[in-house]
């Protein structure tokens, strides 16, 4: 059995490592705008999106999604379509 180079192993690990998308509060978007963008981004129901939106509003930020890095990048991109501020953490 041949071993994989270290660089290849690190790349595979990075892609599969759980990451999280953090959404930050702003004074620009309405609750409804954020709710509907969350529904679109994380494919959740209205009530979950509403709860996350209020968490962002009350605490200044919230983890709105966690999972594989590739999906986190997708979620973040969808949220940023309407210029919401996000960050991805590992």
C-alpha atoms as a PDB file:
ATOM      1  CA  UNK A   1       0.000   0.000   0.000  1.00  0.00           C
ATOM      2  CA  UNK A   2       1.384   3.362  -1.057  1.00  0.00           C
ATOM      3  CA  UNK A   3       1.065   6.287   1.367  1.00  0.00           C
ATOM      4  CA  UNK A   4      -0.413   9.587   0.217  1.00  0.00           C
ATOM      5  CA  UNK A   5       1.802  12.680   0.301  1.00  0.00           C
ATOM      6  CA  UNK A   6       1.223  14.886   3.349  1.00  0.00           C
ATOM      7  CA  UNK A   7      -0.031  17.786   1.196  1.00  0.00           C
ATOM      8  CA  UNK A   8      -2.772  15.589  -0.271  1.00  0.00           C
ATOM      9  CA  UNK A   9      -3.849  14.374   3.163  1.00  0.00           C
ATOM     10  CA  UNK A  10      -4.060  17.966   4.471  1.00  0.00           C
ATOM     11  CA  UNK A  11      -6.142  19.018   1.458  1.00  0.00           C
ATOM     12  CA  UNK A  12      -8.610  16.171   2.001  1.00  0.00           C
ATOM     13  CA  UNK A  13      -8.857  16.996   5.697  1.00  0.00           C
ATOM     14  CA  UNK A  14      -9.448  20.703   5.013  1.00  0.00           C
ATOM     15  CA  UNK A  15     -12.382  19.979   2.709  1.00  0.00           C
ATOM     16  CA  UNK A  16     -14.024  17.583   5.168  1.00  0.00           C
ATOM     17  CA  UNK A  17     -13.329  19.537   8.355  1.00  0.00           C
ATOM     18  CA  UNK A  18     -16.526  21.012   9.809  1.00  0.00           C
ATOM     19  CA  UNK A  19     -16.724  24.752   9.401  1.00  0.00           C
ATOM     20  CA  UNK A  20     -19.320  27.318  10.389  1.00  0.00           C
ATOM     21  CA  UNK A  21     -20.884  30.386   8.817  1.00  0.00           C
ATOM     22  CA  UNK A  22     -21.318  33.379  11.083  1.00  0.00           C
ATOM     23  CA  UNK A  23     -23.796  36.070  10.101  1.00  0.00           C
ATOM     24  CA  UNK A  24     -23.303  39.573  11.512  1.00  0.00           C
ATOM     25  CA  UNK A  25     -25.980  42.109  12.392  1.00  0.00           C
ATOM     26  CA  UNK A  26     -26.328  45.330  10.427  1.00  0.00           C
ATOM     27  CA  UNK A  27     -28.619  48.336  10.386  1.00  0.00           C
ATOM     28  CA  UNK A  28     -29.344  48.089   6.658  1.00  0.00           C
ATOM     29  CA  UNK A  29     -31.454  44.977   6.068  1.00  0.00           C
ATOM     30  CA  UNK A  30     -34.966  44.349   7.320  1.00  0.00           C
ATOM     31  CA  UNK A  31     -35.851  41.255   9.322  1.00  0.00           C
ATOM     32  CA  UNK A  32     -37.831  39.925   6.368  1.00  0.00           C
ATOM     33  CA  UNK A  33     -34.890  40.363   3.968  1.00  0.00           C
ATOM     34  CA  UNK A  34     -32.591  38.429   6.275  1.00  0.00           C
ATOM     35  CA  UNK A  35     -35.193  35.735   6.955  1.00  0.00           C
ATOM     36  CA  UNK A  36     -35.828  35.067   3.277  1.00  0.00           C
ATOM     37  CA  UNK A  37     -32.121  35.071   2.435  1.00  0.00           C
ATOM     38  CA  UNK A  38     -31.490  32.551   5.226  1.00  0.00           C
ATOM     39  CA  UNK A  39     -34.279  30.338   3.869  1.00  0.00           C
ATOM     40  CA  UNK A  40     -32.609  30.474   0.467  1.00  0.00           C
ATOM     41  CA  UNK A  41     -29.087  29.908   1.824  1.00  0.00           C
ATOM     42  CA  UNK A  42     -29.579  27.160   4.401  1.00  0.00           C
ATOM     43  CA  UNK A  43     -32.825  25.679   3.077  1.00  0.00           C
ATOM     44  CA  UNK A  44     -34.702  25.961   6.336  1.00  0.00           C
ATOM     45  CA  UNK A  45     -38.271  26.837   7.211  1.00  0.00           C
ATOM     46  CA  UNK A  46     -39.515  30.314   8.051  1.00  0.00           C
ATOM     47  CA  UNK A  47     -39.533  29.740  11.835  1.00  0.00           C
ATOM     48  CA  UNK A  48     -35.901  28.612  11.979  1.00  0.00           C
ATOM     49  CA  UNK A  49     -34.800  31.525   9.780  1.00  0.00           C
ATOM     50  CA  UNK A  50     -36.763  33.930  11.977  1.00  0.00           C
ATOM     51  CA  UNK A  51     -35.168  32.533  15.154  1.00  0.00           C
ATOM     52  CA  UNK A  52     -31.677  32.869  13.641  1.00  0.00           C
ATOM     53  CA  UNK A  53     -32.436  36.420  12.500  1.00  0.00           C
ATOM     54  CA  UNK A  54     -33.475  37.423  16.014  1.00  0.00           C
ATOM     55  CA  UNK A  55     -30.355  35.787  17.431  1.00  0.00           C
ATOM     56  CA  UNK A  56     -28.213  37.843  15.028  1.00  0.00           C
ATOM     57  CA  UNK A  57     -30.134  40.982  15.992  1.00  0.00           C
ATOM     58  CA  UNK A  58     -29.924  40.404  19.752  1.00  0.00           C
ATOM     59  CA  UNK A  59     -26.306  39.208  19.985  1.00  0.00           C
ATOM     60  CA  UNK A  60     -24.707  40.978  17.030  1.00  0.00           C
ATOM     61  CA  UNK A  61     -23.886  37.705  15.287  1.00  0.00           C
ATOM     62  CA  UNK A  62     -24.897  34.056  15.136  1.00  0.00           C
ATOM     63  CA  UNK A  63     -23.727  30.774  13.691  1.00  0.00           C
ATOM     64  CA  UNK A  64     -26.312  30.173  10.987  1.00  0.00           C
ATOM     65  CA  UNK A  65     -24.811  27.055   9.421  1.00  0.00           C
ATOM     66  CA  UNK A  66     -22.155  24.460  10.184  1.00  0.00           C
ATOM     67  CA  UNK A  67     -20.927  21.663   7.985  1.00  0.00           C
ATOM     68  CA  UNK A  68     -18.426  20.905   5.253  1.00  0.00           C
ATOM     69  CA  UNK A  69     -16.332  23.826   4.062  1.00  0.00           C
ATOM     70  CA  UNK A  70     -17.619  23.674   0.477  1.00  0.00           C
ATOM     71  CA  UNK A  71     -21.234  24.014   1.649  1.00  0.00           C
ATOM     72  CA  UNK A  72     -20.256  26.806   4.068  1.00  0.00           C
ATOM     73  CA  UNK A  73     -18.738  28.734   1.171  1.00  0.00           C
ATOM     74  CA  UNK A  74     -21.965  28.266  -0.784  1.00  0.00           C
ATOM     75  CA  UNK A  75     -24.129  29.414   2.143  1.00  0.00           C
ATOM     76  CA  UNK A  76     -21.920  32.440   2.744  1.00  0.00           C
ATOM     77  CA  UNK A  77     -22.048  33.394  -0.939  1.00  0.00           C
ATOM     78  CA  UNK A  78     -25.845  33.242  -0.985  1.00  0.00           C
ATOM     79  CA  UNK A  79     -26.103  35.414   2.124  1.00  0.00           C
ATOM     80  CA  UNK A  80     -23.676  37.903   0.630  1.00  0.00           C
ATOM     81  CA  UNK A  81     -25.835  38.224  -2.527  1.00  0.00           C
ATOM     82  CA  UNK A  82     -27.755  40.943  -0.706  1.00  0.00           C
ATOM     83  CA  UNK A  83     -24.601  42.264   0.966  1.00  0.00           C
ATOM     84  CA  UNK A  84     -25.063  40.590   4.335  1.00  0.00           C
ATOM     85  CA  UNK A  85     -21.811  40.323   6.255  1.00  0.00           C
ATOM     86  CA  UNK A  86     -20.560  36.788   6.938  1.00  0.00           C
ATOM     87  CA  UNK A  87     -17.463  34.988   8.075  1.00  0.00           C
ATOM     88  CA  UNK A  88     -16.437  31.342   7.786  1.00  0.00           C
ATOM     89  CA  UNK A  89     -14.553  29.794  10.711  1.00  0.00           C
ATOM     90  CA  UNK A  90     -12.945  26.379  11.035  1.00  0.00           C
END
